[in-house]
Structures are given as C-alpha cells and as structure tokens.
C-alpha cells in the first residue's frame, strides 16, 4: 500500500463560515433547509461528478487520450474544458486487474472540484480519513466493494498541491457502448476508488 502526499497548511475556514451563514438564513426563514440539502446533493452526486465521468468515458474509448491523461492529468482534463480552482494539479491513477487505487485526504478534504463537484460528507469525515489508510480493504468492504486478495490496494493522500482522480477499469460487455452511455455508469465513488462502474445499472448509488 502506498501513502503519498503531505500537507503544509491547516484546513481553511470558509466551510465553517458558510455553515454559520446557512444556519442564520435558515433561522430567519430566508431559505428552506430541505432545499439546501437537495442543492448540495445535486452538486455532490449528480451534476459535479458528470465532468469526471466524461473524462473517464473518453479515456475508455480513445487510447491516445488515455495515454495523455495518465502522463499529464491536468492538461488532458483541460482538453475537455474542465479546469479551475482545486484542480490545478491533477494526477490520474489507473486501476488494473492487479492494482486498485483509492483516494483520501488525511488532513482535511482536498478534492478535485472541477471533475467531481463537492466532496461528499463521508470523504470529509474523520473515520474515513483515518481508517482507509490503516485498513483499506475493510473500509472498502464496508462501503460495498470487496477487493480480491490478489489485487494490491494503493491509498493516495491528496494535499494542497495535488488532487487525484481514479480511472476505473472499463466493465466487460461495454465494447459497443457510446461514450455518453459509458459516462452514465461512471459514479463519483468509482473515481475516488470506493466503488467500481457496473453494467447492471446506469448509475451507481452514491455513498453519503
């Protein structure tokens, strides 16, 4: 198991200020807490990760693009128009029959916003951030992903300089699928490494 990356800065405070502002607006009846939750879910699970899904699907159907993506993640992702804050330095990790990659941020919640949207609550939670490094197979199993014993699990620690995106393996039986259809089975969790794309459903349930 590999554990890479280091942090030089403490967690930023904007999230705390945003939460305080949200609580104040709810208290004054200006916004509906249910609407806020729905909006957050929209960007966490549906709109946000669609950018990353397009990157993965394009890499699956275009070998030359896949090569560029693995050599220079930031540049290749930018080719599809996905750039911005929290995505300035991207490294793409390819899952293979021998290697399964999973991403964490052990200090706070560094996350590739331009490709995956908002970080989910479980990714920010202390139990995931600490346990995935120590017992990755057990944590993945608890999240519904059983990694075979012969497959090496590599854990990558995002930091203030580098964000990671997992390139999952393309499922068998999708050789004739369009790029759009392929993107529909790529979930946020599969690009973090806590799930894999499955043909049985057009979109996987998201772990909250």
N, C-alpha and C. Protein backbone atom coordinates (compact mmCIF):
# COMPACT_ATOMS: atom_id res chain seq x y z
N UNK A 1 0.83 -1.19 0.00
CA UNK A 1 0.00 0.00 0.00
C UNK A 1 0.87 1.24 0.00
N UNK A 2 0.55 2.21 -0.83
CA UNK A 2 1.31 3.44 -0.89
C UNK A 2 0.51 4.56 -0.24
N UNK A 3 1.21 5.39 0.47
CA UNK A 3 0.58 6.52 1.12
C UNK A 3 1.39 7.74 0.78
N UNK A 4 0.87 8.59 -0.13
CA UNK A 4 1.67 9.70 -0.64
C UNK A 4 1.05 11.03 -0.25
N UNK A 5 1.93 12.04 -0.31
CA UNK A 5 1.43 13.40 -0.13
C UNK A 5 1.66 13.89 1.28
N UNK A 6 1.75 15.20 1.42
CA UNK A 6 1.90 15.82 2.72
C UNK A 6 1.19 17.15 2.70
N UNK A 7 0.93 17.69 3.87
CA UNK A 7 0.20 18.94 3.97
C UNK A 7 1.08 19.98 4.67
N UNK A 8 0.96 21.19 4.24
CA UNK A 8 1.73 22.27 4.87
C UNK A 8 0.81 23.34 5.43
N UNK A 9 -0.50 23.22 5.18
CA UNK A 9 -1.43 24.24 5.64
C UNK A 9 -2.55 23.61 6.45
N UNK A 10 -3.04 24.32 7.49
CA UNK A 10 -4.19 23.81 8.24
C UNK A 10 -5.44 23.94 7.40
N UNK A 11 -6.51 23.22 7.74
CA UNK A 11 -7.74 23.34 6.99
C UNK A 11 -8.22 24.78 6.93
N UNK A 12 -8.76 25.16 5.78
CA UNK A 12 -9.26 26.51 5.61
C UNK A 12 -10.57 26.70 6.38
N UNK A 13 -10.93 27.98 6.68
CA UNK A 13 -12.11 28.28 7.46
C UNK A 13 -13.37 28.56 6.66
N UNK A 14 -13.32 28.78 5.35
CA UNK A 14 -14.54 29.13 4.63
C UNK A 14 -15.72 28.21 4.87
N UNK A 15 -15.47 26.90 4.99
CA UNK A 15 -16.57 25.96 5.19
C UNK A 15 -17.32 26.25 6.48
N UNK A 16 -16.59 26.63 7.53
CA UNK A 16 -17.23 26.97 8.80
C UNK A 16 -18.07 28.23 8.68
N UNK A 17 -17.55 29.21 7.96
CA UNK A 17 -18.30 30.46 7.77
C UNK A 17 -19.55 30.22 6.94
N UNK A 18 -19.43 29.37 5.91
CA UNK A 18 -20.58 29.05 5.07
C UNK A 18 -21.66 28.36 5.89
N UNK A 19 -21.26 27.43 6.76
CA UNK A 19 -22.22 26.71 7.60
C UNK A 19 -22.92 27.67 8.54
N UNK A 20 -22.16 28.61 9.12
CA UNK A 20 -22.76 29.58 10.03
C UNK A 20 -23.76 30.47 9.30
N UNK A 21 -23.41 30.87 8.07
CA UNK A 21 -24.31 31.71 7.28
C UNK A 21 -25.57 30.93 6.92
N UNK A 22 -25.40 29.67 6.55
CA UNK A 22 -26.55 28.84 6.20
C UNK A 22 -27.49 28.71 7.39
N UNK A 23 -26.93 28.47 8.60
CA UNK A 23 -27.75 28.33 9.80
C UNK A 23 -28.53 29.61 10.09
N UNK A 24 -27.88 30.75 9.88
CA UNK A 24 -28.53 32.04 10.12
C UNK A 24 -29.69 32.26 9.15
N UNK A 25 -29.47 31.94 7.88
CA UNK A 25 -30.52 32.12 6.86
C UNK A 25 -31.70 31.20 7.11
N UNK A 26 -31.41 29.96 7.57
CA UNK A 26 -32.49 29.03 7.89
C UNK A 26 -33.28 29.53 9.09
N UNK A 27 -32.55 30.00 10.10
CA UNK A 27 -33.19 30.51 11.32
C UNK A 27 -34.13 31.67 11.02
N UNK A 28 -33.76 32.54 10.08
CA UNK A 28 -34.57 33.70 9.74
C UNK A 28 -35.65 33.37 8.72
N UNK A 29 -35.68 32.10 8.29
CA UNK A 29 -36.71 31.70 7.35
C UNK A 29 -36.48 32.15 5.93
N UNK A 30 -35.26 32.54 5.61
CA UNK A 30 -34.96 33.02 4.27
C UNK A 30 -34.78 31.86 3.29
N UNK A 31 -34.21 30.76 3.78
CA UNK A 31 -34.04 29.58 2.93
C UNK A 31 -34.61 28.36 3.64
N UNK A 32 -34.98 27.38 2.87
CA UNK A 32 -35.52 26.12 3.39
C UNK A 32 -34.37 25.13 3.54
N UNK A 33 -34.18 24.55 4.74
CA UNK A 33 -33.07 23.59 4.92
C UNK A 33 -33.17 22.40 3.97
N UNK A 34 -34.39 21.98 3.64
CA UNK A 34 -34.56 20.87 2.69
C UNK A 34 -34.05 21.23 1.32
N UNK A 35 -34.26 22.48 0.91
CA UNK A 35 -33.79 22.93 -0.39
C UNK A 35 -32.27 22.98 -0.42
N UNK A 36 -31.67 23.36 0.69
CA UNK A 36 -30.21 23.40 0.77
C UNK A 36 -29.63 21.99 0.63
N UNK A 37 -30.24 21.04 1.33
CA UNK A 37 -29.77 19.65 1.25
C UNK A 37 -29.90 19.11 -0.17
N UNK A 38 -30.99 19.44 -0.83
CA UNK A 38 -31.21 18.98 -2.20
C UNK A 38 -30.17 19.58 -3.14
N UNK A 39 -29.86 20.86 -2.94
CA UNK A 39 -28.87 21.52 -3.79
C UNK A 39 -27.49 20.92 -3.59
N UNK A 40 -27.15 20.64 -2.34
CA UNK A 40 -25.85 20.03 -2.04
C UNK A 40 -25.76 18.65 -2.68
N UNK A 41 -26.82 17.86 -2.56
CA UNK A 41 -26.84 16.52 -3.16
C UNK A 41 -26.70 16.62 -4.67
N UNK A 42 -27.32 17.64 -5.25
CA UNK A 42 -27.26 17.82 -6.69
C UNK A 42 -25.82 17.98 -7.16
N UNK A 43 -25.05 18.81 -6.44
CA UNK A 43 -23.67 19.06 -6.86
C UNK A 43 -22.73 17.97 -6.39
N UNK A 44 -23.05 17.30 -5.26
CA UNK A 44 -22.20 16.21 -4.78
C UNK A 44 -22.31 14.97 -5.66
N UNK A 45 -23.53 14.59 -6.00
CA UNK A 45 -23.78 13.28 -6.58
C UNK A 45 -24.18 13.28 -8.04
N UNK A 46 -24.74 14.38 -8.53
CA UNK A 46 -25.30 14.35 -9.88
C UNK A 46 -24.57 15.27 -10.85
N UNK A 47 -24.63 16.58 -10.64
CA UNK A 47 -24.02 17.50 -11.61
C UNK A 47 -22.49 17.44 -11.55
N UNK A 48 -21.92 17.60 -10.35
CA UNK A 48 -20.48 17.69 -10.22
C UNK A 48 -19.71 16.55 -10.84
N UNK A 49 -19.99 15.29 -10.44
CA UNK A 49 -19.21 14.16 -10.95
C UNK A 49 -19.38 13.88 -12.44
N UNK A 50 -20.33 14.49 -13.10
CA UNK A 50 -20.53 14.23 -14.54
C UNK A 50 -19.32 14.68 -15.35
N UNK A 51 -18.61 15.71 -14.88
CA UNK A 51 -17.40 16.13 -15.60
C UNK A 51 -16.36 15.02 -15.59
N UNK A 52 -16.11 14.48 -14.41
CA UNK A 52 -15.15 13.40 -14.29
C UNK A 52 -15.58 12.17 -15.07
N UNK A 53 -16.89 11.89 -15.08
CA UNK A 53 -17.39 10.74 -15.82
C UNK A 53 -17.12 10.88 -17.31
N UNK A 54 -17.21 12.09 -17.82
CA UNK A 54 -16.92 12.33 -19.24
C UNK A 54 -15.43 12.10 -19.53
N UNK A 55 -14.58 12.48 -18.58
CA UNK A 55 -13.15 12.25 -18.73
C UNK A 55 -12.87 10.75 -18.80
N UNK A 56 -13.45 10.00 -17.87
CA UNK A 56 -13.23 8.55 -17.83
C UNK A 56 -13.73 7.89 -19.09
N UNK A 57 -14.95 8.21 -19.51
CA UNK A 57 -15.54 7.59 -20.70
C UNK A 57 -14.71 7.89 -21.94
N UNK A 58 -14.20 9.12 -22.04
CA UNK A 58 -13.39 9.48 -23.20
C UNK A 58 -12.08 8.69 -23.20
N UNK A 59 -11.51 8.48 -22.02
CA UNK A 59 -10.28 7.70 -21.92
C UNK A 59 -10.53 6.24 -22.29
N UNK A 60 -11.70 5.74 -21.97
CA UNK A 60 -12.03 4.35 -22.31
C UNK A 60 -12.12 4.12 -23.82
N UNK A 61 -12.58 5.13 -24.55
CA UNK A 61 -12.79 4.93 -25.99
C UNK A 61 -11.65 5.48 -26.86
N UNK A 62 -10.77 6.27 -26.25
CA UNK A 62 -9.70 6.90 -27.02
C UNK A 62 -8.35 6.58 -26.37
N UNK A 63 -7.62 5.58 -26.88
CA UNK A 63 -6.34 5.18 -26.28
C UNK A 63 -5.30 6.30 -26.22
N UNK A 64 -5.27 7.15 -27.24
CA UNK A 64 -4.30 8.24 -27.24
C UNK A 64 -4.63 9.25 -26.14
N UNK A 65 -5.92 9.53 -25.97
CA UNK A 65 -6.31 10.44 -24.89
C UNK A 65 -5.98 9.82 -23.53
N UNK A 66 -6.23 8.53 -23.40
CA UNK A 66 -5.91 7.85 -22.14
C UNK A 66 -4.43 7.98 -21.82
N UNK A 67 -3.59 7.83 -22.81
CA UNK A 67 -2.15 7.96 -22.59
C UNK A 67 -1.80 9.36 -22.10
N UNK A 68 -2.39 10.37 -22.73
CA UNK A 68 -2.13 11.75 -22.31
C UNK A 68 -2.65 11.99 -20.89
N UNK A 69 -3.80 11.40 -20.59
CA UNK A 69 -4.41 11.57 -19.28
C UNK A 69 -3.53 11.02 -18.17
N UNK A 70 -2.94 9.86 -18.42
CA UNK A 70 -2.08 9.25 -17.40
C UNK A 70 -0.72 9.94 -17.30
N UNK A 71 -0.27 10.55 -18.40
CA UNK A 71 1.01 11.25 -18.38
C UNK A 71 0.89 12.66 -17.82
N UNK A 72 -0.21 13.33 -18.14
CA UNK A 72 -0.42 14.72 -17.71
C UNK A 72 -1.90 14.93 -17.46
N UNK A 73 -2.34 14.54 -16.26
CA UNK A 73 -3.75 14.61 -15.93
C UNK A 73 -4.35 16.00 -16.08
N UNK A 74 -3.65 16.99 -15.59
CA UNK A 74 -4.16 18.36 -15.64
C UNK A 74 -4.40 18.80 -17.07
N UNK A 75 -3.42 18.58 -17.94
CA UNK A 75 -3.54 19.02 -19.32
C UNK A 75 -4.61 18.28 -20.08
N UNK A 76 -4.69 16.96 -19.88
CA UNK A 76 -5.68 16.16 -20.61
C UNK A 76 -7.10 16.48 -20.16
N UNK A 77 -7.28 16.70 -18.88
CA UNK A 77 -8.60 17.07 -18.37
C UNK A 77 -9.00 18.44 -18.91
N UNK A 78 -8.04 19.34 -19.00
CA UNK A 78 -8.31 20.67 -19.54
C UNK A 78 -8.74 20.61 -21.01
N UNK A 79 -8.28 19.59 -21.73
CA UNK A 79 -8.69 19.44 -23.13
C UNK A 79 -10.21 19.34 -23.26
N UNK A 80 -10.86 18.80 -22.24
CA UNK A 80 -12.31 18.65 -22.26
C UNK A 80 -13.01 19.84 -21.61
N UNK A 81 -12.23 20.84 -21.22
CA UNK A 81 -12.81 22.07 -20.70
C UNK A 81 -12.99 22.11 -19.20
N UNK A 82 -12.41 21.15 -18.47
CA UNK A 82 -12.61 21.11 -17.03
C UNK A 82 -11.34 21.60 -16.32
N UNK A 83 -11.38 22.82 -15.88
CA UNK A 83 -10.24 23.42 -15.18
C UNK A 83 -10.77 24.26 -14.04
N UNK A 84 -9.86 24.77 -13.23
CA UNK A 84 -10.27 25.71 -12.19
C UNK A 84 -9.67 25.39 -10.84
N UNK A 85 -10.10 26.17 -9.87
CA UNK A 85 -9.61 26.05 -8.50
C UNK A 85 -9.84 24.64 -7.98
N UNK A 86 -8.89 24.10 -7.25
CA UNK A 86 -8.90 22.76 -6.69
C UNK A 86 -8.65 21.68 -7.75
N UNK A 87 -8.29 22.13 -8.97
CA UNK A 87 -7.98 21.14 -10.00
C UNK A 87 -6.77 21.55 -10.81
N UNK A 88 -5.92 22.38 -10.21
CA UNK A 88 -4.77 22.91 -10.93
C UNK A 88 -3.69 21.86 -11.20
N UNK A 89 -3.55 20.88 -10.33
CA UNK A 89 -2.51 19.86 -10.50
C UNK A 89 -3.14 18.49 -10.26
N UNK A 90 -3.56 17.84 -11.34
CA UNK A 90 -4.27 16.58 -11.25
C UNK A 90 -3.38 15.40 -11.64
N UNK A 91 -3.46 14.34 -10.88
CA UNK A 91 -2.78 13.09 -11.20
C UNK A 91 -3.86 12.01 -11.34
N UNK A 92 -3.83 11.29 -12.45
CA UNK A 92 -4.83 10.25 -12.71
C UNK A 92 -4.21 8.89 -12.45
N UNK A 93 -4.91 8.07 -11.67
CA UNK A 93 -4.43 6.75 -11.25
C UNK A 93 -5.26 5.68 -11.94
N UNK A 94 -4.60 4.80 -12.68
CA UNK A 94 -5.33 3.78 -13.43
C UNK A 94 -5.49 2.49 -12.63
N UNK A 95 -6.74 2.06 -12.47
CA UNK A 95 -7.00 0.74 -11.89
C UNK A 95 -6.74 -0.33 -12.94
N UNK A 96 -6.17 -1.44 -12.51
CA UNK A 96 -5.87 -2.56 -13.39
C UNK A 96 -6.31 -3.85 -12.70
N UNK A 97 -6.24 -4.99 -13.38
CA UNK A 97 -6.58 -6.25 -12.71
C UNK A 97 -5.68 -6.57 -11.52
N UNK A 98 -4.52 -5.91 -11.45
CA UNK A 98 -3.57 -6.17 -10.35
C UNK A 98 -3.57 -5.07 -9.28
N UNK A 99 -4.06 -3.88 -9.63
CA UNK A 99 -3.95 -2.74 -8.72
C UNK A 99 -5.29 -2.01 -8.60
N UNK A 100 -5.70 -1.72 -7.36
CA UNK A 100 -6.88 -0.90 -7.12
C UNK A 100 -6.46 0.33 -6.33
N UNK A 101 -6.74 1.51 -6.86
CA UNK A 101 -6.38 2.77 -6.21
C UNK A 101 -7.57 3.38 -5.49
N UNK A 102 -7.29 4.01 -4.36
CA UNK A 102 -8.32 4.72 -3.61
C UNK A 102 -7.71 6.01 -3.07
N UNK A 103 -8.53 7.06 -3.02
CA UNK A 103 -8.04 8.39 -2.67
C UNK A 103 -8.63 8.85 -1.34
N UNK A 104 -7.81 9.59 -0.60
CA UNK A 104 -8.24 10.15 0.67
C UNK A 104 -7.52 11.49 0.86
N UNK A 105 -7.98 12.28 1.79
CA UNK A 105 -7.22 13.44 2.25
C UNK A 105 -7.18 13.32 3.76
N UNK A 106 -6.04 12.91 4.31
CA UNK A 106 -5.96 12.59 5.73
C UNK A 106 -6.03 13.82 6.63
N UNK A 107 -5.68 15.00 6.12
CA UNK A 107 -5.68 16.18 6.97
C UNK A 107 -7.02 16.89 6.96
N UNK A 108 -7.60 17.07 5.78
CA UNK A 108 -8.87 17.81 5.71
C UNK A 108 -9.77 17.16 4.66
N UNK A 109 -9.97 17.83 3.52
CA UNK A 109 -10.83 17.25 2.48
C UNK A 109 -10.44 17.76 1.10
N UNK A 110 -9.13 17.79 0.81
CA UNK A 110 -8.67 18.19 -0.51
C UNK A 110 -9.32 17.28 -1.55
N UNK A 111 -9.86 17.88 -2.61
CA UNK A 111 -10.75 17.14 -3.52
C UNK A 111 -10.78 17.85 -4.86
N UNK A 112 -10.84 17.11 -5.97
CA UNK A 112 -10.82 17.75 -7.30
C UNK A 112 -12.19 18.29 -7.73
N UNK A 113 -12.53 19.46 -7.27
CA UNK A 113 -13.84 20.04 -7.53
C UNK A 113 -14.21 20.14 -9.01
N UNK A 114 -13.29 20.54 -9.91
CA UNK A 114 -13.69 20.69 -11.32
C UNK A 114 -14.17 19.38 -11.96
N UNK A 115 -13.70 18.24 -11.46
CA UNK A 115 -14.10 16.97 -12.07
C UNK A 115 -15.11 16.19 -11.22
N UNK A 116 -15.13 16.40 -9.91
CA UNK A 116 -16.01 15.60 -9.05
C UNK A 116 -17.04 16.42 -8.28
N UNK A 117 -17.04 17.73 -8.43
CA UNK A 117 -18.02 18.53 -7.70
C UNK A 117 -17.64 18.67 -6.24
N UNK A 118 -18.64 18.76 -5.37
CA UNK A 118 -18.40 18.93 -3.95
C UNK A 118 -17.98 17.61 -3.31
N UNK A 119 -17.06 17.65 -2.34
CA UNK A 119 -16.68 16.41 -1.65
C UNK A 119 -17.84 15.89 -0.80
N UNK A 120 -18.12 14.58 -0.85
CA UNK A 120 -19.22 14.03 -0.05
C UNK A 120 -18.90 14.06 1.44
N UNK A 121 -19.92 13.95 2.25
CA UNK A 121 -19.75 14.04 3.70
C UNK A 121 -18.84 12.94 4.24
N UNK A 122 -18.98 11.72 3.70
CA UNK A 122 -18.15 10.62 4.22
C UNK A 122 -16.67 10.83 3.91
N UNK A 123 -16.36 11.49 2.80
CA UNK A 123 -14.97 11.76 2.43
C UNK A 123 -14.34 12.75 3.41
N UNK A 124 -15.14 13.67 3.92
CA UNK A 124 -14.64 14.67 4.87
C UNK A 124 -14.59 14.14 6.30
N UNK A 125 -15.29 13.05 6.56
CA UNK A 125 -15.41 12.54 7.93
C UNK A 125 -14.10 11.92 8.43
N UNK A 126 -13.82 12.14 9.71
CA UNK A 126 -12.58 11.64 10.32
C UNK A 126 -12.44 10.11 10.23
N UNK A 127 -13.50 9.32 10.43
CA UNK A 127 -13.32 7.86 10.35
C UNK A 127 -12.78 7.39 9.00
N UNK A 128 -13.32 7.94 7.91
CA UNK A 128 -12.80 7.54 6.59
C UNK A 128 -11.36 7.99 6.43
N UNK A 129 -11.07 9.22 6.79
CA UNK A 129 -9.74 9.78 6.57
C UNK A 129 -8.66 9.03 7.34
N UNK A 130 -9.01 8.49 8.49
CA UNK A 130 -8.01 7.77 9.28
C UNK A 130 -7.98 6.28 8.96
N UNK A 131 -9.14 5.67 8.80
CA UNK A 131 -9.20 4.21 8.67
C UNK A 131 -8.79 3.71 7.28
N UNK A 132 -9.09 4.48 6.23
CA UNK A 132 -8.80 3.98 4.88
C UNK A 132 -7.29 3.76 4.69
N UNK A 133 -6.49 4.50 5.42
CA UNK A 133 -5.03 4.35 5.32
C UNK A 133 -4.56 3.11 6.07
N UNK A 134 -5.21 2.82 7.21
CA UNK A 134 -4.79 1.73 8.07
C UNK A 134 -5.35 0.38 7.62
N UNK A 135 -6.63 0.37 7.27
CA UNK A 135 -7.30 -0.88 6.89
C UNK A 135 -8.17 -0.66 5.65
N UNK A 136 -7.53 -0.39 4.51
CA UNK A 136 -8.30 -0.03 3.31
C UNK A 136 -9.27 -1.11 2.84
N UNK A 137 -8.86 -2.37 2.89
CA UNK A 137 -9.75 -3.43 2.41
C UNK A 137 -11.02 -3.51 3.26
N UNK A 138 -10.88 -3.37 4.55
CA UNK A 138 -12.03 -3.45 5.44
C UNK A 138 -12.97 -2.28 5.20
N UNK A 139 -12.42 -1.08 5.05
CA UNK A 139 -13.26 0.10 4.82
C UNK A 139 -13.97 -0.03 3.48
N UNK A 140 -13.25 -0.45 2.46
CA UNK A 140 -13.88 -0.62 1.15
C UNK A 140 -15.00 -1.66 1.21
N UNK A 141 -14.78 -2.73 1.96
CA UNK A 141 -15.82 -3.76 2.10
C UNK A 141 -17.05 -3.18 2.79
N UNK A 142 -16.84 -2.35 3.79
CA UNK A 142 -17.96 -1.72 4.48
C UNK A 142 -18.74 -0.79 3.56
N UNK A 143 -18.05 -0.25 2.56
CA UNK A 143 -18.70 0.62 1.58
C UNK A 143 -19.29 -0.16 0.41
N UNK A 144 -19.16 -1.49 0.48
CA UNK A 144 -19.77 -2.33 -0.54
C UNK A 144 -18.85 -2.81 -1.64
N UNK A 145 -17.55 -2.60 -1.47
CA UNK A 145 -16.59 -3.02 -2.50
C UNK A 145 -15.62 -4.04 -1.94
N UNK A 146 -15.73 -5.27 -2.40
CA UNK A 146 -14.81 -6.34 -2.00
C UNK A 146 -13.67 -6.42 -3.01
N UNK A 147 -12.47 -6.12 -2.56
CA UNK A 147 -11.29 -6.20 -3.43
C UNK A 147 -10.67 -7.58 -3.28
N UNK A 148 -10.50 -8.33 -4.36
CA UNK A 148 -9.93 -9.67 -4.27
C UNK A 148 -8.55 -9.66 -3.61
N UNK A 149 -8.19 -10.71 -2.88
CA UNK A 149 -6.92 -10.77 -2.16
C UNK A 149 -5.71 -10.58 -3.06
N UNK A 150 -5.78 -11.02 -4.33
CA UNK A 150 -4.62 -10.92 -5.20
C UNK A 150 -4.41 -9.51 -5.75
N UNK A 151 -5.38 -8.61 -5.52
CA UNK A 151 -5.27 -7.24 -6.04
C UNK A 151 -4.66 -6.33 -4.98
N UNK A 152 -3.62 -5.62 -5.35
CA UNK A 152 -2.96 -4.70 -4.43
C UNK A 152 -3.79 -3.42 -4.29
N UNK A 153 -3.99 -2.98 -3.06
CA UNK A 153 -4.72 -1.73 -2.81
C UNK A 153 -3.71 -0.62 -2.51
N UNK A 154 -3.78 0.44 -3.28
CA UNK A 154 -2.89 1.58 -3.07
C UNK A 154 -3.71 2.79 -2.63
N UNK A 155 -3.31 3.39 -1.51
CA UNK A 155 -4.01 4.55 -0.96
C UNK A 155 -3.18 5.80 -1.24
N UNK A 156 -3.84 6.80 -1.82
CA UNK A 156 -3.16 8.04 -2.20
C UNK A 156 -3.74 9.20 -1.42
N UNK A 157 -2.86 9.99 -0.81
CA UNK A 157 -3.26 11.09 0.06
C UNK A 157 -3.21 12.42 -0.70
N UNK A 158 -4.37 12.97 -0.99
CA UNK A 158 -4.42 14.28 -1.65
C UNK A 158 -3.88 15.35 -0.71
N UNK A 159 -3.42 16.44 -1.27
CA UNK A 159 -2.91 17.53 -0.44
C UNK A 159 -3.14 18.87 -1.13
N UNK A 160 -2.61 19.93 -0.56
CA UNK A 160 -2.87 21.27 -1.08
C UNK A 160 -2.32 21.46 -2.48
N UNK A 161 -1.36 20.63 -2.90
CA UNK A 161 -0.76 20.78 -4.23
C UNK A 161 -1.31 19.82 -5.27
N UNK A 162 -1.68 18.60 -4.85
CA UNK A 162 -2.05 17.56 -5.80
C UNK A 162 -3.40 16.95 -5.46
N UNK A 163 -4.24 16.82 -6.49
CA UNK A 163 -5.50 16.09 -6.36
C UNK A 163 -5.44 14.86 -7.26
N UNK A 164 -6.09 13.80 -6.83
CA UNK A 164 -6.07 12.55 -7.59
C UNK A 164 -7.46 12.22 -8.14
N UNK A 165 -7.45 11.55 -9.29
CA UNK A 165 -8.67 11.03 -9.90
C UNK A 165 -8.40 9.59 -10.30
N UNK A 166 -9.23 8.66 -9.86
CA UNK A 166 -9.06 7.26 -10.22
C UNK A 166 -9.72 7.00 -11.57
N UNK A 167 -8.97 6.36 -12.46
CA UNK A 167 -9.51 5.91 -13.74
C UNK A 167 -9.91 4.44 -13.56
N UNK A 168 -11.19 4.17 -13.34
CA UNK A 168 -11.61 2.78 -13.10
C UNK A 168 -11.50 1.93 -14.35
N UNK A 169 -11.52 0.61 -14.16
CA UNK A 169 -11.49 -0.29 -15.31
C UNK A 169 -12.84 -0.27 -16.03
N UNK A 170 -12.77 -0.35 -17.32
CA UNK A 170 -14.00 -0.41 -18.12
C UNK A 170 -14.65 -1.78 -17.95
N UNK A 171 -15.92 -1.83 -17.62
CA UNK A 171 -16.58 -3.14 -17.44
C UNK A 171 -16.65 -3.92 -18.74
N UNK A 172 -16.57 -5.23 -18.62
CA UNK A 172 -16.73 -6.09 -19.78
C UNK A 172 -18.17 -5.99 -20.31
N UNK A 173 -18.32 -6.18 -21.60
CA UNK A 173 -19.65 -6.14 -22.20
C UNK A 173 -20.07 -4.75 -22.64
N UNK A 174 -19.14 -3.77 -22.56
CA UNK A 174 -19.50 -2.40 -22.95
C UNK A 174 -18.76 -1.97 -24.22
N UNK A 175 -18.21 -2.94 -24.94
CA UNK A 175 -17.38 -2.61 -26.10
C UNK A 175 -18.13 -1.81 -27.17
N UNK A 176 -19.42 -2.03 -27.32
CA UNK A 176 -20.18 -1.33 -28.36
C UNK A 176 -20.91 -0.09 -27.84
N UNK A 177 -20.70 0.25 -26.57
CA UNK A 177 -21.42 1.37 -25.98
C UNK A 177 -20.89 2.70 -26.48
N UNK A 178 -21.77 3.68 -26.54
CA UNK A 178 -21.37 5.04 -26.89
C UNK A 178 -20.67 5.68 -25.69
N UNK A 179 -19.96 6.74 -25.96
CA UNK A 179 -19.26 7.45 -24.89
C UNK A 179 -20.25 7.99 -23.86
N UNK A 180 -21.39 8.47 -24.33
CA UNK A 180 -22.41 9.00 -23.42
C UNK A 180 -22.96 7.91 -22.50
N UNK A 181 -23.20 6.75 -23.08
CA UNK A 181 -23.72 5.65 -22.27
C UNK A 181 -22.67 5.17 -21.26
N UNK A 182 -21.42 5.16 -21.66
CA UNK A 182 -20.36 4.78 -20.74
C UNK A 182 -20.26 5.76 -19.57
N UNK A 183 -20.36 7.04 -19.87
CA UNK A 183 -20.27 8.05 -18.81
C UNK A 183 -21.37 7.88 -17.77
N UNK A 184 -22.52 7.35 -18.19
CA UNK A 184 -23.65 7.20 -17.29
C UNK A 184 -23.42 6.16 -16.20
N UNK A 185 -22.47 5.25 -16.40
CA UNK A 185 -22.21 4.23 -15.38
C UNK A 185 -20.99 4.57 -14.52
N UNK A 186 -20.37 5.71 -14.79
CA UNK A 186 -19.20 6.13 -14.00
C UNK A 186 -19.68 7.02 -12.86
N UNK A 187 -19.58 6.53 -11.65
CA UNK A 187 -20.03 7.29 -10.49
C UNK A 187 -18.90 8.07 -9.84
N UNK A 188 -19.28 9.01 -9.01
CA UNK A 188 -18.30 9.74 -8.22
C UNK A 188 -17.44 8.79 -7.40
N UNK A 189 -18.10 7.81 -6.74
CA UNK A 189 -17.37 6.90 -5.86
C UNK A 189 -16.34 6.07 -6.62
N UNK A 190 -16.65 5.71 -7.87
CA UNK A 190 -15.69 4.92 -8.65
C UNK A 190 -14.47 5.74 -9.03
N UNK A 191 -14.61 7.07 -9.06
CA UNK A 191 -13.47 7.94 -9.38
C UNK A 191 -12.67 8.33 -8.13
N UNK A 192 -13.22 8.00 -6.96
CA UNK A 192 -12.49 8.13 -5.71
C UNK A 192 -11.82 6.79 -5.37
N UNK A 193 -12.43 5.71 -5.88
CA UNK A 193 -11.87 4.39 -5.66
C UNK A 193 -12.61 3.57 -4.63
N UNK A 194 -13.78 4.06 -4.17
CA UNK A 194 -14.55 3.32 -3.18
C UNK A 194 -15.66 2.49 -3.82
N UNK A 195 -15.70 2.47 -5.15
CA UNK A 195 -16.68 1.67 -5.89
C UNK A 195 -16.10 1.39 -7.27
N UNK A 196 -16.80 0.61 -8.06
CA UNK A 196 -16.40 0.37 -9.45
C UNK A 196 -17.63 0.52 -10.33
N UNK A 197 -17.45 0.90 -11.60
CA UNK A 197 -18.60 1.01 -12.51
C UNK A 197 -19.21 -0.36 -12.74
N UNK A 198 -20.53 -0.41 -12.81
CA UNK A 198 -21.22 -1.67 -13.02
C UNK A 198 -22.22 -1.54 -14.16
N UNK A 199 -22.29 -2.58 -14.96
CA UNK A 199 -23.18 -2.58 -16.13
C UNK A 199 -24.63 -2.78 -15.72
N UNK A 200 -24.85 -3.41 -14.56
CA UNK A 200 -26.22 -3.75 -14.15
C UNK A 200 -27.12 -2.53 -14.02
N UNK A 201 -26.53 -1.36 -13.71
CA UNK A 201 -27.33 -0.15 -13.53
C UNK A 201 -26.70 1.00 -14.29
N UNK A 202 -27.51 1.92 -14.74
CA UNK A 202 -26.99 3.06 -15.47
C UNK A 202 -26.18 3.98 -14.59
N UNK A 203 -26.50 4.00 -13.31
CA UNK A 203 -25.75 4.84 -12.37
C UNK A 203 -25.74 4.14 -11.02
N UNK A 204 -24.58 4.16 -10.33
CA UNK A 204 -24.45 3.51 -9.06
C UNK A 204 -25.01 4.36 -7.93
N UNK A 205 -25.50 3.73 -6.85
CA UNK A 205 -25.89 4.50 -5.67
C UNK A 205 -24.67 5.22 -5.12
N UNK A 206 -24.86 6.43 -4.63
CA UNK A 206 -23.75 7.20 -4.11
C UNK A 206 -23.68 7.04 -2.60
N UNK A 207 -22.48 6.85 -2.06
CA UNK A 207 -22.29 6.73 -0.63
C UNK A 207 -22.31 8.12 -0.02
N UNK A 208 -23.17 8.33 0.94
CA UNK A 208 -23.25 9.64 1.58
C UNK A 208 -22.58 9.60 2.94
